[in-house]
Amino acid sequence: MKPIKRFFPALFCIVFAMSLAFSASAEAAASMQWSASQQAAVDRATAADAALRSKLGTMYSTFTGVQSQLQQIDQNISTLHYKNEETQSALTKQIKVIDADNIAKLEQSVKQLKDKYKPLLSMYTALNQQIATANKLKNKQLSSALKAQAETMKIAVQIAKTDIKNKEQALASAKAKKTASQKKIRGILAGADPLRIKIKSEKSTATILNKNVSPMWKGVSQAVKVGDAKKIYTDLNNLVNQLRQIQAQKQKILSLENQVSSILQNAKSQLASI
């Protein structure tokens, strides 16, 4: 119960952190839009060049569109990532308890059987010890009597030992099967580890690319402020290209998360068939 109690606060912190990240992303996207006054400044800057105005309008539409696409892909990545994390956590717990009920029953069965036969086996052991003592004392009459008594118990003792041995073998077999099953499923899950390393690397690259976005947007805003139509277009075009690089990077991340998901689903299916 305690591990579960610790898990939910940790999960809440992760989800909360991600919600803050998405809020920041959404705010950044919302801020990268022309205000009414900026749009008016762009209109004035392109008033004498209809062709440039048209191109700039198309470029701005592309700019806002790419931002929307980035928001959507961020949401898709987040949703899939945490679904994968939940699946991984559930599988990890399920792997630990593979065939647990059957093994517990077998362990109980072995214990009950040993308890059942303990008096018989203890008596037989004690009898053999007495025979050994009688032999040392060279008391043939006592030794013979004890051996006769032991002989009458021999078949029952053999049955008891065989019964216990069979149960112990069944238990050992179940444990070996459990270990093999755990190894198999964990082996499947291990296939996701290199993908997670790759995801971390791709996220790092996306973060580096994203650091340039704010300064580039400031450059666009400055060009709007001074009314330089050509520079507005050039800077906005550069910013769109930067966003597209980020978009491509995040598509890689989403693709990798999908690959992780496929591995987890395979492990889940294999676990269900055990």
C-alpha atoms as a PDB file:
ATOM      1  CA  MET A   1       0.000   0.000   0.000  1.00  0.00           C
ATOM      2  CA  LYS A   2       2.822   2.428   0.836  1.00  0.00           C
ATOM      3  CA  PRO A   3       4.482   2.298  -2.643  1.00  0.00           C
ATOM      4  CA  ILE A   4       1.105   3.182  -4.215  1.00  0.00           C
ATOM      5  CA  LYS A   5       0.713   6.131  -1.851  1.00  0.00           C
ATOM      6  CA  ARG A   6       4.139   7.393  -2.858  1.00  0.00           C
ATOM      7  CA  PHE A   7       3.384   6.883  -6.559  1.00  0.00           C
ATOM      8  CA  PHE A   8       0.404   9.239  -6.843  1.00  0.00           C
ATOM      9  CA  PRO A   9       2.105  12.345  -5.412  1.00  0.00           C
ATOM     10  CA  ALA A  10       5.037  11.700  -7.748  1.00  0.00           C
ATOM     11  CA  LEU A  11       2.699  11.275 -10.715  1.00  0.00           C
ATOM     12  CA  PHE A  12       0.832  14.442  -9.754  1.00  0.00           C
ATOM     13  CA  CYS A  13       4.092  16.402  -9.676  1.00  0.00           C
ATOM     14  CA  ILE A  14       5.048  15.129 -13.120  1.00  0.00           C
ATOM     15  CA  VAL A  15       1.646  15.925 -14.626  1.00  0.00           C
ATOM     16  CA  PHE A  16       1.612  19.333 -12.935  1.00  0.00           C
ATOM     17  CA  ALA A  17       5.075  20.112 -14.304  1.00  0.00           C
ATOM     18  CA  MET A  18       3.975  19.124 -17.785  1.00  0.00           C
ATOM     19  CA  SER A  19       0.815  21.247 -17.487  1.00  0.00           C
ATOM     20  CA  LEU A  20       3.022  24.220 -16.631  1.00  0.00           C
ATOM     21  CA  ALA A  21       5.205  23.465 -19.636  1.00  0.00           C
ATOM     22  CA  PHE A  22       2.191  23.355 -21.941  1.00  0.00           C
ATOM     23  CA  SER A  23       0.808  26.541 -20.398  1.00  0.00           C
ATOM     24  CA  ALA A  24       4.130  28.246 -21.087  1.00  0.00           C
ATOM     25  CA  SER A  25       4.114  26.886 -24.630  1.00  0.00           C
ATOM     26  CA  ALA A  26       0.555  28.080 -25.190  1.00  0.00           C
ATOM     27  CA  GLU A  27       1.355  31.524 -23.799  1.00  0.00           C
ATOM     28  CA  ALA A  28       4.412  31.773 -26.044  1.00  0.00           C
ATOM     29  CA  ALA A  29       2.321  30.803 -29.055  1.00  0.00           C
ATOM     30  CA  ALA A  30      -0.381  33.306 -28.113  1.00  0.00           C
ATOM     31  CA  SER A  31       2.212  36.077 -27.755  1.00  0.00           C
ATOM     32  CA  MET A  32       3.600  35.382 -31.236  1.00  0.00           C
ATOM     33  CA  GLN A  33       0.714  37.070 -32.998  1.00  0.00           C
ATOM     34  CA  TRP A  34       0.431  40.514 -34.429  1.00  0.00           C
ATOM     35  CA  SER A  35      -1.590  42.912 -32.363  1.00  0.00           C
ATOM     36  CA  ALA A  36      -4.081  45.180 -34.088  1.00  0.00           C
ATOM     37  CA  SER A  37      -1.535  48.004 -34.066  1.00  0.00           C
ATOM     38  CA  GLN A  38       1.171  45.727 -35.496  1.00  0.00           C
ATOM     39  CA  GLN A  39      -1.179  44.556 -38.249  1.00  0.00           C
ATOM     40  CA  ALA A  40      -1.913  48.180 -39.062  1.00  0.00           C
ATOM     41  CA  ALA A  41       1.841  48.863 -39.215  1.00  0.00           C
ATOM     42  CA  VAL A  42       2.315  45.912 -41.593  1.00  0.00           C
ATOM     43  CA  ASP A  43      -0.517  47.190 -43.790  1.00  0.00           C
ATOM     44  CA  ARG A  44       1.125  50.606 -43.972  1.00  0.00           C
ATOM     45  CA  ALA A  45       4.535  49.089 -44.717  1.00  0.00           C
ATOM     46  CA  THR A  46       3.146  47.049 -47.629  1.00  0.00           C
ATOM     47  CA  ALA A  47       0.662  49.615 -48.922  1.00  0.00           C
ATOM     48  CA  ALA A  48       2.793  50.369 -51.990  1.00  0.00           C
ATOM     49  CA  ASP A  49       3.569  46.725 -52.815  1.00  0.00           C
ATOM     50  CA  ALA A  50       0.488  44.537 -53.294  1.00  0.00           C
ATOM     51  CA  ALA A  51       2.544  41.482 -54.251  1.00  0.00           C
ATOM     52  CA  LEU A  52       4.642  41.693 -51.092  1.00  0.00           C
ATOM     53  CA  ARG A  53       1.509  42.275 -49.015  1.00  0.00           C
ATOM     54  CA  SER A  54       0.008  39.090 -50.449  1.00  0.00           C
ATOM     55  CA  LYS A  55       3.186  37.086 -49.839  1.00  0.00           C
ATOM     56  CA  LEU A  56       3.464  38.429 -46.322  1.00  0.00           C
ATOM     57  CA  GLY A  57      -0.175  37.592 -45.625  1.00  0.00           C
ATOM     58  CA  THR A  58       0.391  34.037 -46.821  1.00  0.00           C
ATOM     59  CA  MET A  59       3.565  33.781 -44.758  1.00  0.00           C
ATOM     60  CA  TYR A  60       1.801  35.033 -41.642  1.00  0.00           C
ATOM     61  CA  SER A  61      -0.993  32.486 -42.134  1.00  0.00           C
ATOM     62  CA  THR A  62       1.667  29.791 -42.441  1.00  0.00           C
ATOM     63  CA  PHE A  63       3.311  31.145 -39.290  1.00  0.00           C
ATOM     64  CA  THR A  64       0.132  30.932 -37.206  1.00  0.00           C
ATOM     65  CA  GLY A  65      -0.707  27.559 -38.728  1.00  0.00           C
ATOM     66  CA  VAL A  66       2.657  26.051 -37.812  1.00  0.00           C
ATOM     67  CA  GLN A  67       2.225  27.319 -34.253  1.00  0.00           C
ATOM     68  CA  SER A  68      -1.152  25.575 -34.016  1.00  0.00           C
ATOM     69  CA  GLN A  69       0.387  22.388 -35.381  1.00  0.00           C
ATOM     70  CA  LEU A  70       3.165  22.608 -32.796  1.00  0.00           C
ATOM     71  CA  GLN A  71       0.623  22.974 -29.997  1.00  0.00           C
ATOM     72  CA  GLN A  72      -1.211  19.901 -31.268  1.00  0.00           C
ATOM     73  CA  ILE A  73       1.916  17.783 -31.589  1.00  0.00           C
ATOM     74  CA  ASP A  74       2.994  18.848 -28.083  1.00  0.00           C
ATOM     75  CA  GLN A  75      -0.369  17.653 -26.783  1.00  0.00           C
ATOM     76  CA  ASN A  76      -0.085  14.385 -28.708  1.00  0.00           C
ATOM     77  CA  ILE A  77       3.420  13.764 -27.355  1.00  0.00           C
ATOM     78  CA  SER A  78       2.345  14.513 -23.789  1.00  0.00           C
ATOM     79  CA  THR A  79      -0.748  12.306 -23.976  1.00  0.00           C
ATOM     80  CA  LEU A  80       1.125   9.375 -25.497  1.00  0.00           C
ATOM     81  CA  HIS A  81       4.135   9.773 -23.198  1.00  0.00           C
ATOM     82  CA  TYR A  82       2.074   9.580 -20.025  1.00  0.00           C
ATOM     83  CA  LYS A  83      -0.014   6.748 -21.403  1.00  0.00           C
ATOM     84  CA  ASN A  84       3.259   4.898 -22.027  1.00  0.00           C
ATOM     85  CA  GLU A  85       4.477   5.714 -18.510  1.00  0.00           C
ATOM     86  CA  GLU A  86       1.260   4.378 -16.986  1.00  0.00           C
ATOM     87  CA  THR A  87       1.431   1.218 -19.103  1.00  0.00           C
ATOM     88  CA  GLN A  88       5.092   0.690 -18.178  1.00  0.00           C
ATOM     89  CA  SER A  89       4.300   1.114 -14.477  1.00  0.00           C
ATOM     90  CA  ALA A  90       1.365  -1.307 -14.651  1.00  0.00           C
ATOM     91  CA  LEU A  91       3.408  -3.904 -16.543  1.00  0.00           C
ATOM     92  CA  THR A  92       6.278  -3.644 -14.057  1.00  0.00           C
ATOM     93  CA  LYS A  93       3.880  -4.425 -11.211  1.00  0.00           C
ATOM     94  CA  GLN A  94       2.174  -7.247 -13.119  1.00  0.00           C
ATOM     95  CA  ILE A  95       5.499  -8.874 -14.007  1.00  0.00           C
ATOM     96  CA  LYS A  96       6.378  -9.141 -10.315  1.00  0.00           C
ATOM     97  CA  VAL A  97       3.218 -11.109  -9.523  1.00  0.00           C
ATOM     98  CA  ILE A  98       3.191 -13.495 -12.504  1.00  0.00           C
ATOM     99  CA  ASP A  99       1.615 -16.791 -11.337  1.00  0.00           C
ATOM    100  CA  ALA A 100       1.811 -15.512  -7.752  1.00  0.00           C
ATOM    101  CA  ASP A 101      -1.440 -17.173  -6.643  1.00  0.00           C
ATOM    102  CA  ASN A 102      -0.455 -20.565  -8.035  1.00  0.00           C
ATOM    103  CA  ILE A 103       3.005 -20.395  -6.455  1.00  0.00           C
ATOM    104  CA  ALA A 104       1.515 -19.346  -3.114  1.00  0.00           C
ATOM    105  CA  LYS A 105      -0.855 -22.335  -3.250  1.00  0.00           C
ATOM    106  CA  LEU A 106       1.991 -24.700  -4.100  1.00  0.00           C
ATOM    107  CA  GLU A 107       4.126 -23.309  -1.268  1.00  0.00           C
ATOM    108  CA  GLN A 108       1.233 -23.794   1.125  1.00  0.00           C
ATOM    109  CA  SER A 109       0.683 -27.306  -0.221  1.00  0.00           C
ATOM    110  CA  VAL A 110       4.347 -28.218   0.339  1.00  0.00           C
ATOM    111  CA  LYS A 111       4.214 -26.833   3.883  1.00  0.00           C
ATOM    112  CA  GLN A 112       1.010 -28.696   4.702  1.00  0.00           C
ATOM    113  CA  LEU A 113       2.429 -31.918   3.295  1.00  0.00           C
ATOM    114  CA  LYS A 114       5.645 -31.592   5.306  1.00  0.00           C
ATOM    115  CA  ASP A 115       3.630 -30.870   8.445  1.00  0.00           C
ATOM    116  CA  LYS A 116       1.435 -33.878   7.721  1.00  0.00           C
ATOM    117  CA  TYR A 117       4.361 -36.262   7.307  1.00  0.00           C
ATOM    118  CA  LYS A 118       6.609 -34.725   9.955  1.00  0.00           C
ATOM    119  CA  PRO A 119       5.605 -37.111  12.774  1.00  0.00           C
ATOM    120  CA  LEU A 120       6.144 -40.163  10.534  1.00  0.00           C
ATOM    121  CA  LEU A 121       9.488 -38.978   9.181  1.00  0.00           C
ATOM    122  CA  SER A 122      10.682 -37.850  12.608  1.00  0.00           C
ATOM    123  CA  MET A 123       9.772 -41.227  14.060  1.00  0.00           C
ATOM    124  CA  TYR A 124      11.537 -43.044  11.228  1.00  0.00           C
ATOM    125  CA  THR A 125      14.667 -40.909  11.672  1.00  0.00           C
ATOM    126  CA  ALA A 126      14.666 -41.513  15.422  1.00  0.00           C
ATOM    127  CA  LEU A 127      14.208 -45.237  14.841  1.00  0.00           C
ATOM    128  CA  ASN A 128      17.232 -45.395  12.530  1.00  0.00           C
ATOM    129  CA  GLN A 129      19.274 -43.486  15.092  1.00  0.00           C
ATOM    130  CA  GLN A 130      18.259 -46.062  17.700  1.00  0.00           C
ATOM    131  CA  ILE A 131      19.271 -48.869  15.332  1.00  0.00           C
ATOM    132  CA  ALA A 132      22.684 -47.237  14.909  1.00  0.00           C
ATOM    133  CA  THR A 133      23.062 -46.968  18.679  1.00  0.00           C
ATOM    134  CA  ALA A 134      22.029 -50.606  19.162  1.00  0.00           C
ATOM    135  CA  ASN A 135      24.574 -51.680  16.558  1.00  0.00           C
ATOM    136  CA  LYS A 136      27.314 -49.753  18.351  1.00  0.00           C
ATOM    137  CA  LEU A 137      26.321 -51.486  21.578  1.00  0.00           C
ATOM    138  CA  LYS A 138      26.318 -54.785  19.662  1.00  0.00           C
ATOM    139  CA  ASN A 139      22.826 -55.487  20.968  1.00  0.00           C
ATOM    140  CA  LYS A 140      21.659 -57.730  18.159  1.00  0.00           C
ATOM    141  CA  GLN A 141      18.276 -58.491  19.691  1.00  0.00           C
ATOM    142  CA  LEU A 142      17.367 -54.832  20.117  1.00  0.00           C
ATOM    143  CA  SER A 143      18.797 -53.973  16.718  1.00  0.00           C
ATOM    144  CA  SER A 144      16.770 -56.713  15.060  1.00  0.00           C
ATOM    145  CA  ALA A 145      13.560 -55.593  16.757  1.00  0.00           C
ATOM    146  CA  LEU A 146      14.121 -51.988  15.768  1.00  0.00           C
ATOM    147  CA  LYS A 147      14.944 -52.951  12.184  1.00  0.00           C
ATOM    148  CA  ALA A 148      11.738 -54.938  11.954  1.00  0.00           C
ATOM    149  CA  GLN A 149       9.801 -51.931  13.184  1.00  0.00           C
ATOM    150  CA  ALA A 150      11.593 -49.697  10.698  1.00  0.00           C
ATOM    151  CA  GLU A 151      10.826 -52.119   7.888  1.00  0.00           C
ATOM    152  CA  THR A 152       7.092 -51.856   8.586  1.00  0.00           C
ATOM    153  CA  MET A 153       7.356 -48.060   8.216  1.00  0.00           C
ATOM    154  CA  LYS A 154       9.551 -48.118   5.127  1.00  0.00           C
ATOM    155  CA  ILE A 155       6.795 -48.114   2.490  1.00  0.00           C
ATOM    156  CA  ALA A 156       4.859 -45.329   4.233  1.00  0.00           C
ATOM    157  CA  VAL A 157       8.051 -43.278   4.515  1.00  0.00           C
ATOM    158  CA  GLN A 158       8.856 -43.768   0.830  1.00  0.00           C
ATOM    159  CA  ILE A 159       5.333 -42.674  -0.117  1.00  0.00           C
ATOM    160  CA  ALA A 160       5.671 -39.594   2.109  1.00  0.00           C
ATOM    161  CA  LYS A 161       9.056 -38.635   0.647  1.00  0.00           C
ATOM    162  CA  THR A 162       7.823 -39.166  -2.916  1.00  0.00           C
ATOM    163  CA  ASP A 163       4.717 -37.098  -2.216  1.00  0.00           C
ATOM    164  CA  ILE A 164       6.799 -34.236  -0.803  1.00  0.00           C
ATOM    165  CA  LYS A 165       9.323 -34.491  -3.644  1.00  0.00           C
ATOM    166  CA  ASN A 166       6.585 -34.282  -6.287  1.00  0.00           C
ATOM    167  CA  LYS A 167       5.076 -31.208  -4.652  1.00  0.00           C
ATOM    168  CA  GLU A 168       8.489 -29.554  -4.324  1.00  0.00           C
ATOM    169  CA  GLN A 169       9.225 -30.282  -7.983  1.00  0.00           C
ATOM    170  CA  ALA A 170       5.889 -28.754  -8.988  1.00  0.00           C
ATOM    171  CA  LEU A 171       6.762 -25.669  -6.935  1.00  0.00           C
ATOM    172  CA  ALA A 172      10.260 -25.444  -8.423  1.00  0.00           C
ATOM    173  CA  SER A 173       8.820 -25.840 -11.925  1.00  0.00           C
ATOM    174  CA  ALA A 174       6.277 -23.063 -11.323  1.00  0.00           C
ATOM    175  CA  LYS A 175       8.999 -20.754 -10.005  1.00  0.00           C
ATOM    176  CA  ALA A 176      11.249 -21.538 -12.975  1.00  0.00           C
ATOM    177  CA  LYS A 177       8.372 -20.839 -15.358  1.00  0.00           C
ATOM    178  CA  LYS A 178       7.697 -17.554 -13.575  1.00  0.00           C
ATOM    179  CA  THR A 179      11.356 -16.541 -13.838  1.00  0.00           C
ATOM    180  CA  ALA A 180      11.430 -17.417 -17.545  1.00  0.00           C
ATOM    181  CA  SER A 181       8.214 -15.464 -18.175  1.00  0.00           C
ATOM    182  CA  GLN A 182       9.532 -12.451 -16.279  1.00  0.00           C
ATOM    183  CA  LYS A 183      12.775 -12.567 -18.249  1.00  0.00           C
ATOM    184  CA  LYS A 184      10.847 -12.751 -21.525  1.00  0.00           C
ATOM    185  CA  ILE A 185       8.571  -9.777 -20.786  1.00  0.00           C
ATOM    186  CA  ARG A 186      11.399  -7.702 -19.336  1.00  0.00           C
ATOM    187  CA  GLY A 187      13.413  -8.490 -22.449  1.00  0.00           C
ATOM    188  CA  ILE A 188      10.608  -7.101 -24.595  1.00  0.00           C
ATOM    189  CA  LEU A 189      10.342  -3.984 -22.424  1.00  0.00           C
ATOM    190  CA  ALA A 190      14.106  -3.469 -22.604  1.00  0.00           C
ATOM    191  CA  GLY A 191      13.651  -2.803 -26.316  1.00  0.00           C
ATOM    192  CA  ALA A 192      12.127   0.554 -25.374  1.00  0.00           C
ATOM    193  CA  ASP A 193      15.205   1.718 -23.431  1.00  0.00           C
ATOM    194  CA  PRO A 194      17.249   2.818 -26.485  1.00  0.00           C
ATOM    195  CA  LEU A 195      14.159   4.636 -27.777  1.00  0.00           C
ATOM    196  CA  ARG A 196      13.808   6.559 -24.514  1.00  0.00           C
ATOM    197  CA  ILE A 197      17.458   7.581 -24.738  1.00  0.00           C
ATOM    198  CA  LYS A 198      16.814   8.754 -28.297  1.00  0.00           C
ATOM    199  CA  ILE A 199      13.716  10.668 -27.170  1.00  0.00           C
ATOM    200  CA  LYS A 200      15.775  12.468 -24.541  1.00  0.00           C
ATOM    201  CA  SER A 201      18.338  13.417 -27.189  1.00  0.00           C
ATOM    202  CA  GLU A 202      15.681  14.645 -29.629  1.00  0.00           C
ATOM    203  CA  LYS A 203      14.005  16.682 -26.884  1.00  0.00           C
ATOM    204  CA  SER A 204      17.341  18.293 -26.088  1.00  0.00           C
ATOM    205  CA  THR A 205      17.763  19.267 -29.740  1.00  0.00           C
ATOM    206  CA  ALA A 206      14.214  20.660 -29.854  1.00  0.00           C
ATOM    207  CA  THR A 207      14.919  22.726 -26.728  1.00  0.00           C
ATOM    208  CA  ILE A 208      18.049  24.196 -28.305  1.00  0.00           C
ATOM    209  CA  LEU A 209      16.124  25.087 -31.466  1.00  0.00           C
ATOM    210  CA  ASN A 210      13.310  26.590 -29.413  1.00  0.00           C
ATOM    211  CA  LYS A 211      15.681  28.966 -27.620  1.00  0.00           C
ATOM    212  CA  ASN A 212      16.101  30.904 -30.867  1.00  0.00           C
ATOM    213  CA  VAL A 213      12.371  31.439 -31.384  1.00  0.00           C
ATOM    214  CA  SER A 214      11.859  34.307 -28.930  1.00  0.00           C
ATOM    215  CA  PRO A 215      14.811  36.392 -30.221  1.00  0.00           C
ATOM    216  CA  MET A 216      13.691  35.785 -33.807  1.00  0.00           C
ATOM    217  CA  TRP A 217      10.145  36.903 -33.008  1.00  0.00           C
ATOM    218  CA  LYS A 218      11.559  40.040 -31.404  1.00  0.00           C
ATOM    219  CA  GLY A 219      13.409  40.638 -34.671  1.00  0.00           C
ATOM    220  CA  VAL A 220      10.146  40.358 -36.600  1.00  0.00           C
ATOM    221  CA  SER A 221       8.426  42.739 -34.187  1.00  0.00           C
ATOM    222  CA  GLN A 222      11.279  45.235 -34.538  1.00  0.00           C
ATOM    223  CA  ALA A 223      10.995  45.094 -38.332  1.00  0.00           C
ATOM    224  CA  VAL A 224       7.255  45.755 -38.018  1.00  0.00           C
ATOM    225  CA  LYS A 225       7.972  48.682 -35.723  1.00  0.00           C
ATOM    226  CA  VAL A 226      10.322  50.371 -38.204  1.00  0.00           C
ATOM    227  CA  GLY A 227       8.025  49.545 -41.127  1.00  0.00           C
ATOM    228  CA  ASP A 228      10.574  47.583 -43.174  1.00  0.00           C
ATOM    229  CA  ALA A 229       8.277  45.324 -45.229  1.00  0.00           C
ATOM    230  CA  LYS A 230      11.035  43.258 -46.850  1.00  0.00           C
ATOM    231  CA  LYS A 231      12.742  42.640 -43.524  1.00  0.00           C
ATOM    232  CA  ILE A 232       9.414  41.707 -41.963  1.00  0.00           C
ATOM    233  CA  TYR A 233       8.970  39.075 -44.658  1.00  0.00           C
ATOM    234  CA  THR A 234      12.559  37.793 -44.446  1.00  0.00           C
ATOM    235  CA  ASP A 235      12.575  37.593 -40.648  1.00  0.00           C
ATOM    236  CA  LEU A 236       9.139  35.984 -40.537  1.00  0.00           C
ATOM    237  CA  ASN A 237      10.203  33.467 -43.180  1.00  0.00           C
ATOM    238  CA  ASN A 238      13.296  32.610 -41.118  1.00  0.00           C
ATOM    239  CA  LEU A 239      11.132  32.191 -38.029  1.00  0.00           C
ATOM    240  CA  VAL A 240       8.730  29.896 -39.890  1.00  0.00           C
ATOM    241  CA  ASN A 241      11.675  27.778 -41.032  1.00  0.00           C
ATOM    242  CA  GLN A 242      12.889  27.605 -37.433  1.00  0.00           C
ATOM    243  CA  LEU A 243       9.456  26.495 -36.240  1.00  0.00           C
ATOM    244  CA  ARG A 244       9.334  23.873 -38.967  1.00  0.00           C
ATOM    245  CA  GLN A 245      12.670  22.500 -37.764  1.00  0.00           C
ATOM    246  CA  ILE A 246      11.205  22.274 -34.269  1.00  0.00           C
ATOM    247  CA  GLN A 247       8.098  20.649 -35.714  1.00  0.00           C
ATOM    248  CA  ALA A 248      10.200  18.054 -37.554  1.00  0.00           C
ATOM    249  CA  GLN A 249      12.115  17.378 -34.341  1.00  0.00           C
ATOM    250  CA  LYS A 250       8.906  16.873 -32.395  1.00  0.00           C
ATOM    251  CA  GLN A 251       7.550  14.579 -35.095  1.00  0.00           C
ATOM    252  CA  LYS A 252      10.608  12.423 -34.455  1.00  0.00           C
ATOM    253  CA  ILE A 253       9.784  12.432 -30.737  1.00  0.00           C
ATOM    254  CA  LEU A 254       6.164  11.476 -31.436  1.00  0.00           C
ATOM    255  CA  SER A 255       7.294   8.693 -33.759  1.00  0.00           C
ATOM    256  CA  LEU A 256       9.639   7.365 -31.068  1.00  0.00           C
ATOM    257  CA  GLU A 257       6.866   7.492 -28.454  1.00  0.00           C
ATOM    258  CA  ASN A 258       4.679   5.506 -30.855  1.00  0.00           C
ATOM    259  CA  GLN A 259       7.441   2.924 -31.168  1.00  0.00           C
ATOM    260  CA  VAL A 260       7.639   2.728 -27.370  1.00  0.00           C
ATOM    261  CA  SER A 261       3.864   2.283 -27.295  1.00  0.00           C
ATOM    262  CA  SER A 262       4.078  -0.619 -29.767  1.00  0.00           C
ATOM    263  CA  ILE A 263       6.697  -2.344 -27.617  1.00  0.00           C
ATOM    264  CA  LEU A 264       4.582  -1.880 -24.497  1.00  0.00           C
ATOM    265  CA  GLN A 265       1.497  -3.257 -26.238  1.00  0.00           C
ATOM    266  CA  ASN A 266       3.496  -6.278 -27.390  1.00  0.00           C
ATOM    267  CA  ALA A 267       4.686  -6.875 -23.827  1.00  0.00           C
ATOM    268  CA  LYS A 268       1.122  -6.461 -22.587  1.00  0.00           C
ATOM    269  CA  SER A 269      -0.162  -9.038 -25.092  1.00  0.00           C
ATOM    270  CA  GLN A 270       2.606 -11.489 -24.234  1.00  0.00           C
ATOM    271  CA  LEU A 271       1.904 -11.061 -20.525  1.00  0.00           C
ATOM    272  CA  ALA A 272      -1.803 -11.708 -21.054  1.00  0.00           C
ATOM    273  CA  SER A 273      -1.024 -14.984 -22.824  1.00  0.00           C
ATOM    274  CA  ILE A 274       1.037 -16.363 -19.922  1.00  0.00           C
END
